[in-house]
Protein backbone atom coordinates (compact mmCIF):
# COMPACT_ATOMS: atom_id res chain seq x y z
CA MET A 1 28.22 5.88 9.42
CA GLU A 2 29.22 7.81 6.41
CA SER A 3 28.52 4.93 3.98
CA LEU A 4 24.98 4.25 6.07
CA LEU A 5 24.31 8.28 5.30
CA THR A 6 25.36 7.73 1.58
CA ASP A 7 23.13 4.59 0.92
CA LYS A 8 20.37 5.93 2.76
CA LYS A 9 20.17 9.00 0.39
CA LYS A 10 20.42 6.58 -2.54
CA TYR A 11 17.64 4.62 -1.38
CA PHE A 12 15.13 7.58 -0.90
CA MET A 13 16.24 8.60 -4.36
CA SER A 14 14.73 5.47 -5.56
CA VAL A 15 12.37 5.93 -3.38
CA ILE A 16 11.22 9.01 -5.00
CA PHE A 17 11.40 8.10 -8.79
CA ASP A 18 9.79 4.62 -8.61
CA ASN A 19 6.97 6.58 -6.62
CA PHE A 20 6.64 10.17 -8.97
CA GLY A 21 7.09 7.19 -12.11
CA SER A 22 4.51 4.87 -10.30
CA SER A 23 1.75 8.05 -9.61
CA LEU A 24 2.06 9.24 -13.15
CA MET A 25 1.07 6.13 -14.25
CA THR A 26 -1.91 5.20 -12.01
CA PHE A 27 -2.99 9.25 -13.03
CA ALA A 28 -2.44 8.49 -17.25
CA ILE A 29 -3.08 4.89 -18.14
CA PRO A 30 -6.64 4.99 -16.74
CA VAL A 31 -7.19 8.35 -18.82
CA TYR A 32 -5.66 7.20 -21.59
CA ILE A 33 -7.87 3.84 -21.78
CA LEU A 34 -10.68 5.49 -21.22
CA GLY A 35 -10.34 7.91 -23.98
CA LEU A 36 -8.95 5.27 -26.84
CA SER A 37 -11.74 2.61 -26.26
CA ASN A 38 -14.54 4.84 -24.45
CA SER A 39 -15.13 1.61 -22.74
CA VAL A 40 -15.49 1.55 -18.72
CA LEU A 41 -15.04 -2.47 -19.46
CA TYR A 42 -11.39 -2.11 -20.69
CA LEU A 43 -10.99 0.16 -17.41
CA SER A 44 -12.15 -2.34 -14.97
CA LEU A 45 -10.07 -4.89 -16.96
CA ILE A 46 -7.44 -3.06 -16.35
CA SER A 47 -8.14 -2.12 -12.84
CA SER A 48 -8.78 -5.80 -11.77
CA LEU A 49 -5.27 -6.58 -13.72
CA THR A 50 -3.49 -4.62 -11.13
CA LEU A 51 -5.17 -6.48 -8.16
CA LEU A 52 -4.91 -10.00 -8.93
CA PRO A 53 -0.99 -10.28 -9.00
CA PHE A 54 -1.15 -9.84 -5.16
CA LEU A 55 -3.79 -12.70 -4.91
CA VAL A 56 -1.86 -15.52 -7.31
CA LEU A 57 1.85 -14.20 -6.67
CA GLY A 58 1.80 -13.22 -3.72
CA MET A 59 2.71 -15.62 -0.99
CA PRO A 60 4.82 -17.32 -4.06
CA PHE A 61 6.91 -14.25 -4.04
CA GLY A 62 7.39 -13.45 -0.71
CA THR A 63 9.37 -17.40 -0.22
CA LEU A 64 11.92 -15.98 -3.17
CA VAL A 65 12.59 -12.61 -1.54
CA ASP A 66 13.59 -14.63 1.26
CA LYS A 67 15.65 -16.83 -0.57
CA LEU A 68 17.26 -14.39 -3.00
CA ASN A 69 19.60 -11.15 -2.99
CA ILE A 70 16.92 -8.23 -2.54
CA LYS A 71 18.81 -5.40 -3.95
CA LYS A 72 19.08 -7.23 -6.48
CA ILE A 73 15.43 -8.07 -7.16
CA LEU A 74 14.93 -3.97 -6.40
CA TYR A 75 17.47 -2.68 -9.21
CA LEU A 76 16.58 -5.31 -11.46
CA SER A 77 12.33 -5.05 -11.30
CA ASP A 78 12.86 -1.04 -11.42
CA PHE A 79 14.81 -1.84 -14.81
CA ILE A 80 12.31 -4.21 -16.13
CA ARG A 81 9.80 -1.48 -15.52
CA PHE A 82 12.25 0.98 -17.72
CA PHE A 83 11.62 -1.31 -20.37
CA LEU A 84 8.53 -1.91 -20.47
CA TYR A 85 7.26 1.44 -20.08
CA PHE A 86 9.75 2.56 -22.90
CA ALA A 87 8.62 -0.15 -24.72
CA LEU A 88 4.76 0.87 -24.45
CA PHE A 89 5.72 4.38 -25.42
CA PHE A 90 7.30 3.76 -28.84
CA ILE A 91 3.99 1.56 -29.63
CA VAL A 92 2.06 4.00 -28.20
CA VAL A 93 3.41 7.05 -30.32
CA TYR A 94 4.83 5.48 -33.75
CA ILE A 95 1.76 2.42 -34.28
CA ASP A 96 -1.60 3.66 -35.46
CA SER A 97 -3.41 0.47 -34.61
CA LEU A 98 -6.32 0.65 -32.11
CA GLY A 99 -6.17 -2.94 -31.53
CA ILE A 100 -1.94 -3.19 -31.09
CA LYS A 101 -2.38 -0.20 -28.24
CA LEU A 102 -5.18 -1.78 -26.80
CA TRP A 103 -3.32 -5.37 -26.35
CA THR A 104 -0.28 -3.98 -25.74
CA LEU A 105 -1.28 -1.95 -22.68
CA ILE A 106 -2.84 -4.94 -21.44
CA ILE A 107 0.64 -7.09 -21.78
CA VAL A 108 2.68 -3.96 -20.06
CA THR A 109 0.24 -3.77 -17.25
CA ILE A 110 -0.12 -7.84 -16.60
CA LEU A 111 3.80 -7.68 -16.62
CA VAL A 112 4.28 -4.64 -14.89
CA SER A 113 1.45 -5.64 -11.90
CA CYS A 114 3.84 -8.71 -11.64
CA ILE A 115 7.18 -7.13 -11.02
CA ASN A 116 5.19 -4.77 -8.58
CA VAL A 117 4.49 -7.91 -6.53
CA ILE A 118 7.96 -8.59 -5.96
CA SER A 119 9.08 -5.18 -5.93
CA SER A 120 6.75 -4.22 -2.91
CA ILE A 121 7.22 -6.85 -0.73
CA SER A 122 11.21 -6.84 -1.68
CA GLU A 123 11.20 -3.04 -0.80
CA THR A 124 9.60 -3.95 2.78
CA THR A 125 11.86 -6.92 3.63
CA TYR A 126 14.74 -4.54 2.83
CA LEU A 127 14.82 -2.17 5.44
CA PRO A 128 16.25 -4.12 8.03
CA TYR A 129 19.37 -5.02 6.25
CA LEU A 130 20.18 -1.30 5.19
CA PHE A 131 19.26 0.19 8.52
CA LYS A 132 20.05 -2.18 11.57
CA HIS A 133 18.29 0.01 14.41
CA THR A 134 14.49 -0.74 14.61
CA ASP A 135 14.01 2.21 16.48
CA ASP A 136 14.45 4.12 13.00
CA PHE A 137 11.83 2.06 11.08
CA THR A 138 8.81 4.46 12.54
CA SER A 139 10.92 7.30 11.07
CA LEU A 140 11.91 5.86 7.77
CA ASN A 141 8.14 4.51 7.15
CA SER A 142 6.92 7.75 7.80
CA SER A 143 9.43 9.31 5.30
CA ILE A 144 8.41 7.14 2.36
CA TYR A 145 4.86 7.11 3.27
CA SER A 146 5.01 11.32 3.57
CA ILE A 147 7.32 10.52 -0.21
CA GLN A 148 4.17 8.94 -1.48
CA TYR A 149 1.57 10.90 -0.14
CA ILE A 150 3.51 14.22 -1.77
CA LEU A 151 3.70 12.79 -4.67
CA GLY A 152 0.21 11.43 -4.94
CA ILE A 153 -0.64 15.19 -4.44
CA LEU A 154 1.48 16.74 -7.30
CA SER A 155 1.62 13.77 -9.65
CA PRO A 156 -2.28 14.24 -11.22
CA ILE A 157 -1.57 17.77 -11.21
CA LEU A 158 1.55 17.35 -13.34
CA GLY A 159 0.47 14.30 -15.40
CA GLY A 160 -2.45 16.50 -16.38
CA MET A 161 -1.12 19.41 -17.69
CA ILE A 162 1.31 17.31 -19.29
CA TYR A 163 -1.67 15.04 -20.60
CA SER A 164 -3.52 17.65 -21.47
CA LYS A 165 -1.02 19.23 -24.25
CA TYR A 166 1.26 16.01 -24.95
CA SER A 167 -0.95 13.34 -24.52
CA ILE A 168 0.32 9.92 -22.78
CA GLY A 169 3.66 9.59 -25.07
CA ILE A 170 6.03 12.09 -22.84
CA LEU A 171 4.01 10.88 -19.61
CA LEU A 172 5.61 7.43 -20.57
CA LEU A 173 8.66 8.63 -21.38
CA ILE A 174 9.54 10.22 -17.98
CA SER A 175 7.73 7.25 -16.02
CA SER A 176 10.19 4.91 -17.92
CA LEU A 177 13.23 7.34 -17.01
CA CYS A 178 12.46 7.55 -13.56
CA TYR A 179 12.58 3.91 -13.24
CA LEU A 180 15.48 3.50 -14.98
CA LEU A 181 17.21 6.31 -12.41
CA SER A 182 15.39 4.16 -9.71
CA SER A 183 17.53 0.97 -10.77
CA PHE A 184 20.72 2.97 -10.20
CA SER A 185 20.05 4.47 -7.17
CA PHE A 186 19.91 0.81 -6.05
CA TYR A 187 22.25 -0.52 -8.05
CA TYR A 188 24.99 1.65 -5.64
CA ILE A 189 23.90 0.81 -2.55
CA LYS A 190 26.52 -0.85 -0.25
CA ALA A 191 24.48 -2.33 2.50
CA VAL A 192 25.17 -6.34 1.94
CA GLU A 193 22.49 -8.93 3.16
CA ASN A 194 24.39 -11.91 4.82
CA LYS A 195 22.21 -14.87 3.34
CA SER A 196 23.62 -18.20 2.89
CA ASN A 197 21.75 -18.75 -1.20
CA PRO A 198 21.46 -15.17 -2.46
CA LYS A 199 22.06 -16.46 -6.39
CA PHE A 200 19.18 -17.68 -8.97
CA SER A 201 19.04 -21.08 -9.81
CA SER A 202 16.57 -23.96 -9.91
CA GLU A 203 17.31 -24.62 -6.21
CA ILE A 204 15.13 -21.54 -4.56
CA PHE A 205 12.48 -23.38 -6.78
CA LYS A 206 12.16 -26.52 -4.86
CA ASP A 207 10.29 -27.17 -1.79
CA ILE A 208 8.60 -23.87 -2.29
CA PHE A 209 4.88 -24.60 -0.86
CA ALA A 210 6.91 -26.14 1.83
CA ASP A 211 8.62 -22.71 2.47
CA ILE A 212 5.27 -20.86 2.46
CA VAL A 213 3.88 -23.25 4.93
CA LYS A 214 6.51 -22.32 6.83
CA GLY A 215 6.18 -18.71 6.55
CA TYR A 216 2.61 -18.80 7.82
CA VAL A 217 3.09 -21.41 10.42
CA TYR A 218 5.95 -18.68 11.89
CA VAL A 219 3.44 -15.77 11.75
CA SER A 220 0.53 -17.81 12.94
CA CYS A 221 2.82 -18.96 16.27
CA ARG A 222 3.52 -15.33 17.08
CA LYS A 223 0.52 -13.79 18.43
CA THR A 224 2.24 -9.84 18.13
CA VAL A 225 2.70 -10.55 14.33
CA PHE A 226 -0.64 -12.92 13.51
CA LEU A 227 -3.09 -11.07 15.78
CA PRO A 228 -2.89 -7.73 13.85
CA LEU A 229 -3.05 -9.27 10.41
CA VAL A 230 -6.54 -10.89 11.91
CA ILE A 231 -8.13 -7.85 13.35
CA THR A 232 -6.72 -5.53 10.11
CA ALA A 233 -8.29 -7.86 7.79
CA ILE A 234 -11.80 -7.58 9.52
CA PHE A 235 -11.09 -3.19 9.71
CA ASN A 236 -10.41 -3.91 5.58
CA ILE A 237 -13.82 -5.56 5.13
CA LEU A 238 -15.77 -2.91 7.26
CA THR A 239 -13.58 -0.07 5.54
CA ALA A 240 -13.44 -1.13 2.32
CA ASN A 241 -16.10 0.35 0.60
CA PHE A 242 -15.91 4.15 2.59
CA GLN A 243 -14.58 5.90 -0.25
CA ASN A 244 -17.34 4.47 -2.69
CA ASP A 245 -19.80 5.45 0.01
CA SER A 246 -17.76 8.91 0.78
CA LEU A 247 -18.53 9.91 -3.06
CA ILE A 248 -21.73 8.75 -3.45
CA PHE A 249 -22.68 10.61 0.29
CA LEU A 250 -20.88 14.11 -0.96
CA LYS A 251 -22.70 13.54 -4.71
CA ASN A 252 -26.10 12.51 -3.84
CA ILE A 253 -26.72 13.32 -0.27
CA ILE A 254 -25.63 17.04 0.72
CA ASN A 255 -25.46 17.54 -3.48
CA LEU A 256 -21.45 18.63 -3.82
CA ASP A 257 -20.63 19.47 -7.35
CA THR A 258 -17.30 18.32 -8.64
CA SER A 259 -15.23 20.77 -7.83
CA GLN A 260 -16.02 20.90 -4.15
CA ILE A 261 -15.50 17.14 -4.02
CA GLY A 262 -12.02 17.65 -5.36
CA PHE A 263 -11.32 19.83 -2.60
CA VAL A 264 -12.31 17.50 0.03
CA VAL A 265 -10.89 14.39 -1.96
CA SER A 266 -7.00 16.83 -1.57
CA VAL A 267 -7.97 17.58 2.08
CA ALA A 268 -8.12 13.96 2.70
CA THR A 269 -4.82 13.26 1.04
CA SER A 270 -3.11 16.56 3.01
CA GLY A 271 -4.65 14.61 6.38
CA ALA A 272 -2.85 11.38 4.99
CA LEU A 273 0.64 13.50 4.83
CA CYS A 274 -0.30 14.38 8.27
CA GLY A 275 -0.67 11.36 9.51
CA ALA A 276 2.81 10.24 8.42
CA PHE A 277 4.47 13.10 9.95
CA LEU A 278 2.77 12.81 13.34
CA ILE A 279 3.48 9.42 14.11
CA ASN A 280 7.32 10.17 14.87
CA PHE A 281 5.85 11.92 17.69
CA LEU A 282 3.10 8.94 18.94
CA SER A 283 5.69 6.00 18.23
CA LYS A 284 7.64 7.53 21.06
CA LYS A 285 4.82 8.04 23.85
CA PHE A 286 2.75 5.19 22.98
CA GLU A 287 3.08 1.30 22.61
CA PHE A 288 2.21 -0.76 18.98
CA HIS A 289 -0.98 -2.06 20.75
CA GLN A 290 -2.47 1.12 22.06
CA LEU A 291 -1.75 3.12 18.77
CA PHE A 292 -3.88 0.10 17.17
CA ILE A 293 -6.90 -0.23 18.99
CA THR A 294 -7.51 3.80 19.92
CA ASN A 295 -6.98 3.89 16.02
CA ILE A 296 -9.51 1.51 15.47
CA LEU A 297 -11.94 3.37 17.97
CA LEU A 298 -11.67 6.62 16.63
CA GLN A 299 -12.20 5.51 13.38
CA SER A 300 -15.41 4.03 14.48
CA ILE A 301 -16.15 7.06 15.91
CA LEU A 302 -15.75 9.27 13.38
CA ARG A 303 -17.60 7.13 10.10
CA ILE A 304 -20.68 7.32 12.33
CA THR A 305 -20.12 10.82 12.72
CA TYR A 306 -19.29 11.44 8.96
CA ALA A 307 -23.04 9.91 7.91
CA GLN A 308 -25.07 12.54 10.64
CA TRP A 309 -23.73 15.42 9.13
CA SER A 310 -24.48 17.61 5.71
CA ASN A 311 -21.72 20.70 6.46
CA ILE A 312 -19.10 20.60 3.82
CA TYR A 313 -16.73 21.86 6.65
CA ILE A 314 -17.09 19.46 9.20
CA ILE A 315 -17.43 16.62 6.50
CA VAL A 316 -13.89 18.48 5.56
CA ALA A 317 -12.65 18.05 8.88
CA ILE A 318 -14.02 14.34 9.41
CA THR A 319 -12.44 12.90 6.25
CA PHE A 320 -8.94 14.62 7.13
CA VAL A 321 -8.59 12.44 10.77
CA ILE A 322 -9.57 9.70 8.90
CA ASP A 323 -6.85 9.88 6.60
CA ALA A 324 -4.52 10.37 8.47
CA LEU A 325 -5.62 7.94 11.34
CA GLN A 326 -5.25 5.41 8.30
CA SER A 327 -2.11 6.55 7.61
CA ILE A 328 -0.75 6.05 11.19
CA LEU A 329 -2.56 2.74 10.87
CA ASN A 330 -0.67 1.75 7.52
CA ILE A 331 2.98 3.21 9.19
CA ILE A 332 2.45 1.35 12.65
CA ILE A 333 1.34 -2.14 10.98
CA ILE A 334 4.38 -2.05 8.36
CA THR A 335 6.82 -0.81 11.38
CA ASN A 336 5.38 -4.04 13.73
CA ARG A 337 6.44 -6.33 11.15
CA GLN A 338 9.70 -4.86 10.76
CA LYS A 339 10.57 -5.06 14.26
CA LEU A 340 9.21 -8.32 15.11
CA VAL A 341 9.89 -10.69 12.28
CA GLU A 342 13.22 -12.29 11.74
CA LYS A 343 14.77 -11.17 8.75
CA GLU A 344 14.84 -14.98 6.48
CA TYR A 345 11.15 -14.88 7.36
CA LEU A 346 10.58 -11.17 6.69
CA GLY A 347 9.80 -11.51 2.88
CA ARG A 348 7.31 -14.34 3.46
CA ALA A 349 5.48 -12.12 6.46
CA ASN A 350 5.06 -9.17 4.34
CA SER A 351 3.56 -10.53 0.90
CA LEU A 352 1.12 -12.40 3.99
CA TYR A 353 -0.37 -9.98 4.95
CA LYS A 354 -0.37 -7.95 1.69
CA THR A 355 -2.16 -11.23 -0.18
CA VAL A 356 -4.80 -11.07 2.61
CA LEU A 357 -5.35 -8.05 2.92
CA ILE A 358 -5.36 -7.37 -0.86
CA GLY A 359 -8.06 -10.06 -0.73
CA VAL A 360 -10.47 -9.37 1.95
CA ASN A 361 -10.54 -5.88 0.24
CA SER A 362 -12.17 -6.62 -2.75
CA LEU A 363 -14.68 -8.94 -0.45
CA GLY A 364 -15.27 -5.75 1.62
CA PHE A 365 -16.09 -3.70 -1.62
CA ILE A 366 -18.76 -6.22 -2.41
CA ILE A 367 -20.57 -6.44 1.21
CA GLY A 368 -20.51 -2.81 1.68
CA GLY A 369 -21.78 -1.97 -2.28
CA PHE A 370 -24.50 -4.75 -1.55
CA ILE A 371 -25.16 -2.92 1.86
CA THR A 372 -25.35 0.49 0.43
CA GLU A 373 -27.53 -0.87 -2.26
CA LYS A 374 -30.29 -2.46 -0.16
CA LEU A 375 -29.85 0.09 2.94
CA GLY A 376 -28.54 3.28 1.39
CA VAL A 377 -25.11 5.09 1.96
CA ARG A 378 -26.21 6.55 5.60
CA VAL A 379 -26.95 2.94 6.95
CA SER A 380 -24.17 1.60 5.48
CA LEU A 381 -21.60 4.22 6.98
CA LEU A 382 -23.37 3.36 10.47
CA ILE A 383 -23.02 -0.19 10.08
CA SER A 384 -19.55 0.44 9.36
CA GLY A 385 -18.62 2.39 12.31
CA ILE A 386 -20.92 0.00 14.66
CA SER A 387 -19.09 -2.80 13.50
CA LEU A 388 -15.85 -1.16 13.86
CA VAL A 389 -17.04 -0.57 17.83
CA ILE A 390 -17.39 -4.26 18.07
CA LEU A 391 -14.05 -4.79 16.32
CA TYR A 392 -12.20 -2.70 19.24
CA CYS A 393 -14.10 -4.44 21.85
CA VAL A 394 -12.78 -7.37 20.82
CA ALA A 395 -9.32 -6.25 20.09
CA SER A 396 -9.06 -4.65 23.27
CA LEU A 397 -9.87 -7.95 25.20
CA LEU A 398 -7.25 -10.00 22.96
CA TYR A 399 -4.23 -7.48 23.56
CA ARG A 400 -5.25 -7.49 27.71
CA ASN A 401 -5.21 -11.31 27.66
CA ILE A 402 -1.38 -10.88 25.53
CA SER A 403 -0.52 -8.60 28.21
CA LYS A 404 -1.84 -10.25 31.28
CA LYS A 405 0.41 -13.51 29.92
CA ARG A 406 3.65 -11.26 29.28
CA LEU A 407 3.21 -9.82 32.57
CA ARG A 408 2.59 -13.93 34.48
CA LYS A 409 6.32 -14.87 32.50
CA ASN A 410 7.96 -12.03 33.64
CA ASN A 411 6.42 -12.53 37.26
CA ILE A 412 7.60 -16.56 36.77
CA LYS A 413 11.18 -15.05 35.83
CA HIS A 414 11.73 -12.69 38.71
């Protein structure tokens, strides 16, 4: 028990350092690019480069995670990010050439994004090896998301203060040191993975396509794992553009100024944090499918309601609850995978989820943006909400059928 508690502390130290470094860079790099190039094109390019590796490398990296030692992946990936940001720090501070700075930034962004793919898959996959009791997963994921949301609130404030006084150099140095500390925290975790082939060699690349197919078949044959993926993918298509729609709605429809919009955004983040705390209570009272489909219904109602109001306080309250529900949805989906998927397939299951959901998000942005452009933001929000009601009805029927089949099997056994 003492060893377990020690490992748990080391793990959460790594989560804090990792997310703090990541949050600082998420804030600082777009600001720096915009100031350096004064070009929205470069900013869009960098944003797309952070997304593309997940679509291309997600499934192959998920297969590698199932074969390799995950602890080594985690501390090495943090160490590589330390090295990359430390190198970028020297380029930014000591090189005067604008072209060299921009190209170095692009190269580092691509490399860090690739490392982020295998690191994020590994983090989710490692929990069942580190913590043996599946009942702990909801609490653990809640704590991880809470850390992310808190740092998501604090990092832009702290980063903005440091950036305004020292520019990006100090932030790069702080971020690189955070990754170094995260790497050390993972390195000293004692929990052991029972894998038959933990060593990196050319053998692990053989039949990688066949292993990817095996992972897909494994997930698709398990309705309680595959169905949430399909439903969530449709949900993401219908809701991906909500942040952009809400920004247009707040700015152009109810005419809020920048400070008021900032207030709404900060309250929304607080809602996400509240959801991360609330899930511990809800998961003890309700089953996954009950929380899952009820969440979709509530979000549909709130999104329909959102478009009908012009009162800032009502908008703030609705946004708070939507973000709380979205936080709960994220946590229960991750926890469901960790509980139901066997360890040797968990890396591929996690990567399949990430690849599909990130891919459909891009599609959702395009569809949502087109509807908003043609029909207006109120109609776009209304269509999104009504579509979610239909999705809720379909999801309810599908889960009812699964429950009936499960009950029938239990009756046959008895």
